[in-house]
Protein backbone atom coordinates (compact mmCIF):
# COMPACT_ATOMS: atom_id res chain seq x y z
CA MET A 1 87.76 146.99 117.31
CA TRP A 2 88.57 146.43 113.66
CA VAL A 3 89.56 142.87 114.38
CA ALA A 4 85.98 142.27 115.61
CA VAL A 5 84.25 144.44 112.97
CA LEU A 6 86.09 143.20 109.86
CA PRO A 7 84.53 139.68 109.75
CA LEU A 8 81.10 141.21 110.19
CA LEU A 9 81.65 143.63 107.27
CA LEU A 10 83.05 140.79 105.20
CA SER A 11 79.88 138.78 105.81
CA PHE A 12 77.76 141.71 104.70
CA ALA A 13 79.86 142.18 101.57
CA ILE A 14 79.61 138.52 100.59
CA ALA A 15 75.84 138.58 101.09
CA ILE A 16 75.44 141.74 99.03
CA ALA A 17 77.66 140.42 96.28
CA GLY A 18 75.69 137.25 96.14
CA GLY A 19 72.44 139.23 95.99
CA MET A 20 73.70 141.35 93.12
CA ARG A 21 74.91 138.34 91.05
CA ALA A 22 71.89 136.04 91.68
CA PRO A 23 69.93 135.32 88.49
CA VAL A 24 66.32 136.44 88.93
CA ASP A 25 63.24 136.98 86.74
CA PRO A 26 63.51 140.24 84.82
CA ARG A 27 60.44 141.46 86.57
CA PHE A 28 62.17 141.43 89.87
CA THR A 29 65.53 143.09 89.18
CA GLY A 30 65.00 146.16 91.36
CA LEU A 31 66.87 147.21 94.48
CA ARG A 32 64.24 145.72 96.84
CA ALA A 33 64.56 142.29 95.22
CA ARG A 34 68.31 142.36 95.33
CA ALA A 35 68.22 143.52 99.00
CA LEU A 36 65.83 140.66 99.83
CA ILE A 37 68.15 138.08 98.19
CA ALA A 38 71.14 139.43 100.08
CA PHE A 39 69.21 139.29 103.29
CA LEU A 40 68.25 135.64 102.68
CA ILE A 41 71.84 134.75 101.86
CA TYR A 42 72.98 136.40 105.14
CA ALA A 43 70.14 135.05 107.32
CA GLY A 44 70.03 131.54 105.81
CA PRO A 45 72.83 130.02 107.91
CA PHE A 46 71.34 131.47 111.12
CA ALA A 47 67.94 129.98 110.30
CA ARG A 48 69.44 126.54 109.56
CA GLY A 49 71.58 126.68 112.70
CA TRP A 50 68.64 127.63 114.88
CA GLU A 51 66.58 124.69 113.48
CA ARG A 52 69.49 122.30 114.21
CA VAL A 53 69.68 123.56 117.80
CA LYS A 54 65.93 123.10 118.23
CA TRP A 55 66.12 119.61 116.75
CA ARG A 56 69.01 118.71 119.09
CA VAL A 57 67.25 120.08 122.14
CA LYS A 58 64.04 118.19 121.21
CA GLY A 59 65.99 115.00 120.66
CA LEU A 60 67.70 115.34 124.05
CA THR A 61 64.49 115.93 125.95
CA GLU A 62 61.94 113.67 124.24
CA VAL A 63 63.42 110.30 125.22
CA ASP A 64 62.07 107.17 126.79
CA PRO A 65 63.17 107.09 130.46
CA ILE A 66 65.30 104.12 131.62
CA GLN A 67 63.26 101.76 133.77
CA TYR A 68 65.84 100.66 136.28
CA GLU A 69 65.89 97.20 137.70
CA PRO A 70 67.68 95.81 140.81
CA VAL A 71 71.38 95.28 140.14
CA SER A 72 72.87 91.84 140.44
CA GLN A 73 76.40 92.79 141.37
CA LYS A 74 78.40 95.53 142.96
CA PRO A 75 81.04 96.97 140.60
CA GLU A 76 84.71 96.78 141.45
CA VAL A 77 85.63 100.48 141.57
CA LYS A 78 89.22 101.59 140.97
CA PRO A 79 89.36 105.33 141.76
CA VAL A 80 92.91 105.81 140.51
CA GLN A 81 91.91 104.49 137.06
CA ARG A 82 88.60 106.42 137.26
CA ALA A 83 86.90 103.19 136.23
CA PHE A 84 84.79 100.27 137.46
CA TYR A 85 84.68 96.61 136.42
CA LEU A 86 81.83 94.13 136.01
CA SER A 87 82.03 90.42 135.25
CA TYR A 88 79.39 88.03 133.78
CA TRP A 89 79.33 84.28 133.41
CA ASN A 90 77.43 82.05 130.98
CA GLU A 91 77.58 78.50 129.76
CA LYS A 92 75.79 79.12 126.43
CA GLY A 93 78.71 80.47 124.47
CA ILE A 94 77.51 84.08 124.66
CA GLU A 95 80.39 86.34 123.68
CA LYS A 96 81.25 89.92 124.62
CA GLU A 97 79.74 91.22 121.37
CA ALA A 98 76.29 90.36 122.60
CA LEU A 99 76.74 92.56 125.67
CA LEU A 100 78.30 95.47 123.75
CA GLN A 101 75.68 95.34 121.04
CA GLY A 102 72.93 95.25 123.65
CA VAL A 103 74.32 98.34 125.44
CA HIS A 104 74.57 100.16 122.12
CA ASP A 105 71.02 99.33 121.03
CA PHE A 106 69.69 100.26 124.52
CA LEU A 107 71.38 103.72 124.69
CA VAL A 108 71.06 104.96 121.11
CA PRO A 109 67.19 105.30 121.14
CA ARG A 110 67.54 107.27 124.42
CA LYS A 111 69.69 109.86 122.71
CA TYR A 112 73.01 108.85 124.18
CA PHE A 113 75.88 109.42 121.71
CA VAL A 114 77.58 106.07 121.15
CA ILE A 115 80.68 105.66 119.03
CA VAL A 116 81.86 102.19 118.01
CA ASP A 117 85.53 101.40 117.84
CA GLN A 118 86.81 100.97 114.27
CA GLY A 119 89.68 98.75 115.40
CA TRP A 120 92.29 101.32 116.41
CA SER A 121 91.12 102.46 119.89
CA ASP A 122 91.66 101.22 123.36
CA TRP A 123 87.93 100.91 123.89
CA ASP A 124 84.93 99.19 122.23
CA LEU A 125 82.22 101.81 122.82
CA LYS A 126 82.50 105.46 123.75
CA VAL A 127 79.34 106.84 125.35
CA SER A 128 78.45 110.45 126.12
CA ARG A 129 75.38 112.53 126.85
CA GLY A 130 75.78 116.17 127.76
CA LEU A 131 78.82 118.44 127.59
CA TRP A 132 81.03 117.46 130.47
CA SER A 133 81.81 113.70 130.55
CA ARG A 134 82.12 110.59 128.53
CA ALA A 135 82.72 106.91 129.23
CA GLU A 136 84.86 104.30 127.46
CA LEU A 137 83.66 100.70 127.57
CA LYS A 138 86.03 97.82 126.89
CA ALA A 139 85.03 94.21 127.08
CA VAL A 140 87.02 90.95 126.95
CA GLY A 141 85.80 87.35 126.78
CA GLU A 142 87.50 84.43 128.44
CA ASN A 143 87.06 80.93 127.06
CA HIS A 144 86.72 78.41 129.86
CA GLY A 145 86.17 75.34 127.69
CA ASP A 146 83.19 74.23 125.63
CA PRO A 147 80.50 76.98 125.74
CA LYS A 148 81.62 78.39 129.08
CA ARG A 149 82.47 82.09 128.90
CA LEU A 150 83.43 84.82 131.30
CA VAL A 151 82.80 88.31 129.97
CA ARG A 152 84.63 91.17 131.77
CA LEU A 153 83.74 94.78 131.20
CA ARG A 154 85.64 97.97 132.14
CA VAL A 155 83.82 101.28 132.21
CA ALA A 156 86.32 104.19 132.33
CA LEU A 157 84.94 107.59 133.10
CA ARG A 158 86.69 110.51 131.38
CA LEU A 159 86.21 114.26 131.05
CA SER A 160 85.18 115.69 127.74
CA ARG A 161 87.52 117.96 125.79
CA LEU A 162 85.27 120.90 126.70
CA SER A 163 85.57 119.99 130.42
CA THR A 164 89.34 119.95 130.25
CA LEU A 165 89.44 123.22 128.30
CA VAL A 166 87.06 125.00 130.70
CA LEU A 167 88.98 123.91 133.76
CA ARG A 168 92.29 124.98 132.22
CA ILE A 169 90.75 128.42 131.42
CA TYR A 170 89.61 128.80 135.05
CA GLY A 171 93.12 127.98 136.26
CA GLY A 172 94.77 130.30 133.76
CA LEU A 173 92.51 133.20 134.64
CA ALA A 174 93.08 132.67 138.32
CA LEU A 175 96.90 132.68 137.82
CA LEU A 176 96.61 135.77 135.64
CA GLY A 177 94.59 137.55 138.32
CA LEU A 178 97.23 136.80 140.91
CA PHE A 179 100.00 137.86 138.54
CA LEU A 180 98.32 141.18 137.86
CA GLY A 181 97.77 141.81 141.56
CA ALA A 182 94.02 141.27 141.51
CA PRO A 183 93.38 138.56 144.12
CA ALA A 184 89.65 139.35 144.25
CA VAL A 185 89.37 138.44 140.57
CA ALA A 186 91.37 135.25 141.12
CA ILE A 187 89.03 134.24 144.01
CA ALA A 188 85.94 134.98 141.98
CA VAL A 189 87.26 132.87 139.10
CA LEU A 190 88.13 130.01 141.46
CA ALA A 191 84.70 130.20 143.03
CA VAL A 192 82.97 129.87 139.67
CA GLY A 193 85.42 127.15 138.69
CA ALA A 194 84.64 125.23 141.87
CA VAL A 195 80.90 125.21 141.02
CA ASN A 196 81.65 124.15 137.46
CA THR A 197 83.90 121.42 138.78
CA GLY A 198 81.10 120.16 141.03
CA VAL A 199 78.76 120.02 138.09
CA ILE A 200 81.33 118.10 135.99
CA ALA A 201 81.91 115.65 138.86
CA TYR A 202 78.19 115.09 139.32
CA GLU A 203 77.55 114.58 135.62
CA THR A 204 80.47 112.07 135.45
CA PHE A 205 79.21 110.18 138.46
CA ARG A 206 75.70 110.04 137.11
CA LEU A 207 76.93 108.73 133.71
CA GLY A 208 78.84 106.00 135.43
CA ARG A 209 75.79 105.08 137.52
CA VAL A 210 73.57 104.93 134.41
CA LEU A 211 76.05 102.71 132.57
CA HIS A 212 76.24 100.36 135.58
CA ARG A 213 72.48 99.96 135.67
CA VAL A 214 72.13 99.68 131.86
CA THR A 215 74.80 97.03 131.67
CA GLU A 216 73.04 95.06 134.32
CA ILE A 217 69.73 95.27 132.44
CA VAL A 218 71.31 94.25 129.13
CA ALA A 219 73.29 91.41 130.68
CA GLY A 220 70.11 89.92 132.07
CA ARG A 221 68.36 90.19 128.73
CA VAL A 222 71.12 88.47 126.76
CA GLY A 223 71.50 85.59 129.21
CA LEU A 224 74.57 86.68 131.25
CA VAL A 225 74.64 86.20 135.10
CA ALA A 226 76.77 88.14 137.56
CA ALA A 227 80.08 86.52 138.28
CA ARG A 228 80.65 88.40 141.54
CA GLY A 229 77.55 87.26 143.35
CA SER A 230 74.26 88.90 144.01
CA VAL A 231 73.82 92.07 146.10
CA ALA A 232 70.79 93.69 147.67
CA PRO A 233 68.87 96.10 145.42
């Protein structure tokens, strides 16, 4: 109990000490004024944190929806790699940077979190939205003479660190339940874990589907054409 209570008491002590040391107008040096200052010191981080949460929730909900268009190619899916591949051709010298920049500019205003490689990663863009999944985009351009270019894109779907941690916790609790002779607890943990795993799988699939459609939209806008042939919408 003391391990849990001690940090709370320490927070109170720091707030009270700050309230007692704070310089104030001589007219307001009474106990009520000092108590008010201590309360503001203690409550200030909570107020700021709550406003950040509200801003983040508002930013995630007030977004322009993606107007999907018919896709021009079916991705080459490689389940073992948890990735799919797209290829685009052009004869105007359009390089991979145009496609990557277009994807970046398309997703950022819609509140997707996009990280650009600084030169040391095995991806060009890392995209995430939500808690459970992320995607790593890597592009390469092939020079076929004069202005002819073939741009290949790999979209690798990965679990977030939170997903990995949560799944490991489920597994550890289930094993602990079995070790302690509580199979009912282990079954309950596995049931909850199965539901969470389904949510993670769905979110990962949806992120991949969004990136497929977005890439197709951006490719059409920058002048790239599908290199694998057209497919029905």
